């Protein structure tokens, strides 16, 4: 997918045919990709897998 390739290269714009999208940050691109993944999951009837990361410290 062109969005993923652009993210990996660090580019903030994606072009498909005559349409071009300019993103403000990689975080905005990731949010768009997450939305696409959710739409695909809904269309196929599958639940999207979610990953949670836990970060803790002892306070020292």
N, C-alpha and C. Protein backbone atom coordinates (compact mmCIF):
# COMPACT_ATOMS: atom_id res chain seq x y z
N UNK A 1 0.84 -1.17 0.00
CA UNK A 1 0.00 0.00 0.00
C UNK A 1 0.89 1.24 0.00
N UNK A 2 0.50 2.22 -0.75
CA UNK A 2 1.32 3.42 -0.90
C UNK A 2 1.48 4.20 0.40
N UNK A 3 0.46 4.19 1.24
CA UNK A 3 0.54 4.91 2.51
C UNK A 3 1.62 4.31 3.40
N UNK A 4 1.67 3.00 3.47
CA UNK A 4 2.68 2.33 4.29
C UNK A 4 4.08 2.59 3.73
N UNK A 5 4.24 2.52 2.43
CA UNK A 5 5.55 2.79 1.82
C UNK A 5 6.00 4.21 2.11
N UNK A 6 5.08 5.17 2.03
CA UNK A 6 5.42 6.56 2.32
C UNK A 6 5.84 6.73 3.78
N UNK A 7 5.13 6.06 4.67
CA UNK A 7 5.47 6.15 6.09
C UNK A 7 6.86 5.59 6.35
N UNK A 8 7.16 4.47 5.73
CA UNK A 8 8.48 3.85 5.93
C UNK A 8 9.61 4.71 5.39
N UNK A 9 9.33 5.47 4.33
CA UNK A 9 10.37 6.31 3.76
C UNK A 9 10.46 7.68 4.43
N UNK A 10 9.47 8.01 5.26
CA UNK A 10 9.48 9.30 5.94
C UNK A 10 8.78 10.40 5.17
N UNK A 11 8.20 10.07 4.01
CA UNK A 11 7.49 11.07 3.22
C UNK A 11 6.15 11.39 3.88
N UNK A 12 5.69 12.62 3.72
CA UNK A 12 4.42 13.03 4.30
C UNK A 12 3.33 13.22 3.26
N UNK A 13 3.60 12.83 2.02
CA UNK A 13 2.57 12.94 0.98
C UNK A 13 2.47 11.62 0.22
N UNK A 14 1.25 11.36 -0.25
CA UNK A 14 0.97 10.14 -1.00
C UNK A 14 0.18 10.54 -2.24
N UNK A 15 0.54 9.96 -3.38
CA UNK A 15 -0.16 10.25 -4.63
C UNK A 15 -0.65 8.94 -5.24
N UNK A 16 -1.90 8.96 -5.67
CA UNK A 16 -2.50 7.82 -6.35
C UNK A 16 -3.25 8.36 -7.55
N UNK A 17 -2.74 8.06 -8.74
CA UNK A 17 -3.35 8.62 -9.95
C UNK A 17 -3.18 10.13 -9.95
N UNK A 18 -4.29 10.85 -10.10
CA UNK A 18 -4.22 12.31 -10.11
C UNK A 18 -4.54 12.93 -8.75
N UNK A 19 -4.70 12.10 -7.72
CA UNK A 19 -5.02 12.61 -6.38
C UNK A 19 -3.79 12.53 -5.48
N UNK A 20 -3.62 13.58 -4.69
CA UNK A 20 -2.47 13.67 -3.80
C UNK A 20 -2.95 14.11 -2.43
N UNK A 21 -2.43 13.46 -1.39
CA UNK A 21 -2.77 13.81 -0.01
C UNK A 21 -1.49 14.19 0.71
N UNK A 22 -1.51 15.34 1.39
CA UNK A 22 -0.38 15.81 2.17
C UNK A 22 -0.75 15.72 3.65
N UNK A 23 0.02 14.96 4.41
CA UNK A 23 -0.21 14.80 5.84
C UNK A 23 0.70 15.75 6.61
N UNK A 24 0.31 16.10 7.82
CA UNK A 24 1.11 17.02 8.64
C UNK A 24 2.17 16.31 9.46
N UNK A 25 1.93 15.02 9.76
CA UNK A 25 2.88 14.29 10.59
C UNK A 25 2.71 12.79 10.35
N UNK A 26 3.68 12.03 10.84
CA UNK A 26 3.57 10.58 10.76
C UNK A 26 2.44 10.07 11.65
N UNK A 27 2.18 10.78 12.74
CA UNK A 27 1.07 10.39 13.62
C UNK A 27 -0.26 10.52 12.89
N UNK A 28 -0.41 11.55 12.08
CA UNK A 28 -1.63 11.71 11.30
C UNK A 28 -1.75 10.61 10.24
N UNK A 29 -0.63 10.22 9.65
CA UNK A 29 -0.64 9.13 8.69
C UNK A 29 -1.02 7.82 9.37
N UNK A 30 -0.51 7.58 10.58
CA UNK A 30 -0.83 6.37 11.31
C UNK A 30 -2.31 6.34 11.67
N UNK A 31 -2.86 7.48 12.03
CA UNK A 31 -4.29 7.54 12.35
C UNK A 31 -5.13 7.21 11.11
N UNK A 32 -4.71 7.69 9.95
CA UNK A 32 -5.41 7.38 8.71
C UNK A 32 -5.33 5.89 8.40
N UNK A 33 -4.16 5.31 8.59
CA UNK A 33 -3.98 3.88 8.34
C UNK A 33 -4.82 3.05 9.32
N UNK A 34 -4.88 3.47 10.57
CA UNK A 34 -5.71 2.77 11.56
C UNK A 34 -7.18 2.82 11.14
N UNK A 35 -7.63 3.96 10.63
CA UNK A 35 -9.01 4.07 10.16
C UNK A 35 -9.30 3.16 8.99
N UNK A 36 -8.35 3.06 8.09
CA UNK A 36 -8.50 2.16 6.94
C UNK A 36 -8.59 0.72 7.41
N UNK A 37 -7.71 0.34 8.35
CA UNK A 37 -7.72 -1.02 8.89
C UNK A 37 -9.06 -1.33 9.56
N UNK A 38 -9.62 -0.38 10.29
CA UNK A 38 -10.91 -0.59 10.94
C UNK A 38 -12.03 -0.76 9.92
N UNK A 39 -12.00 0.05 8.85
CA UNK A 39 -13.01 -0.08 7.79
C UNK A 39 -12.93 -1.45 7.12
N UNK A 40 -11.73 -1.92 6.86
CA UNK A 40 -11.56 -3.23 6.24
C UNK A 40 -12.07 -4.32 7.17
N UNK A 41 -11.74 -4.21 8.45
CA UNK A 41 -12.18 -5.21 9.43
C UNK A 41 -13.71 -5.25 9.51
N UNK A 42 -14.36 -4.09 9.50
CA UNK A 42 -15.82 -4.05 9.52
C UNK A 42 -16.42 -4.67 8.27
N UNK A 43 -15.81 -4.41 7.13
CA UNK A 43 -16.32 -4.92 5.87
C UNK A 43 -16.20 -6.43 5.73
N UNK A 44 -15.20 -7.00 6.37
CA UNK A 44 -15.00 -8.44 6.28
C UNK A 44 -15.60 -9.18 7.47
N UNK A 45 -16.13 -8.45 8.43
CA UNK A 45 -16.73 -9.07 9.60
C UNK A 45 -15.74 -9.55 10.63
N UNK A 46 -14.49 -9.16 10.49
CA UNK A 46 -13.46 -9.56 11.44
C UNK A 46 -13.20 -8.41 12.41
N UNK A 47 -12.86 -8.77 13.63
CA UNK A 47 -12.48 -7.77 14.60
C UNK A 47 -11.02 -7.42 14.41
N UNK A 48 -10.71 -6.16 14.58
CA UNK A 48 -9.34 -5.70 14.46
C UNK A 48 -8.59 -6.07 15.73
N UNK A 49 -7.42 -6.61 15.56
CA UNK A 49 -6.59 -6.95 16.72
C UNK A 49 -6.01 -5.68 17.30
N UNK A 50 -6.08 -5.57 18.60
CA UNK A 50 -5.53 -4.40 19.27
C UNK A 50 -4.37 -4.84 20.15
N UNK A 51 -3.36 -4.01 20.19
CA UNK A 51 -2.17 -4.29 20.99
C UNK A 51 -2.03 -3.17 22.00
N UNK A 52 -1.83 -3.54 23.26
CA UNK A 52 -1.64 -2.57 24.31
C UNK A 52 -0.24 -2.74 24.88
N UNK A 53 0.43 -1.64 25.10
CA UNK A 53 1.75 -1.66 25.69
C UNK A 53 1.66 -1.06 27.08
N UNK A 54 2.24 -1.74 28.05
CA UNK A 54 2.22 -1.27 29.42
C UNK A 54 3.60 -0.79 29.79
N UNK A 55 3.65 0.41 30.35
CA UNK A 55 4.91 1.00 30.76
C UNK A 55 4.81 1.31 32.26
N UNK A 56 5.76 0.87 33.01
CA UNK A 56 5.73 1.16 34.43
C UNK A 56 7.13 1.51 34.92
N UNK A 57 7.16 2.20 36.03
CA UNK A 57 8.44 2.51 36.66
C UNK A 57 8.25 2.43 38.17
N UNK A 58 9.34 2.30 38.86
CA UNK A 58 9.28 2.16 40.31
C UNK A 58 9.31 3.52 40.99
N UNK A 59 9.51 4.57 40.26
CA UNK A 59 9.52 5.90 40.85
C UNK A 59 10.83 6.33 41.46
N UNK A 60 11.91 5.62 41.18
CA UNK A 60 13.21 5.98 41.72
C UNK A 60 13.89 6.97 40.84
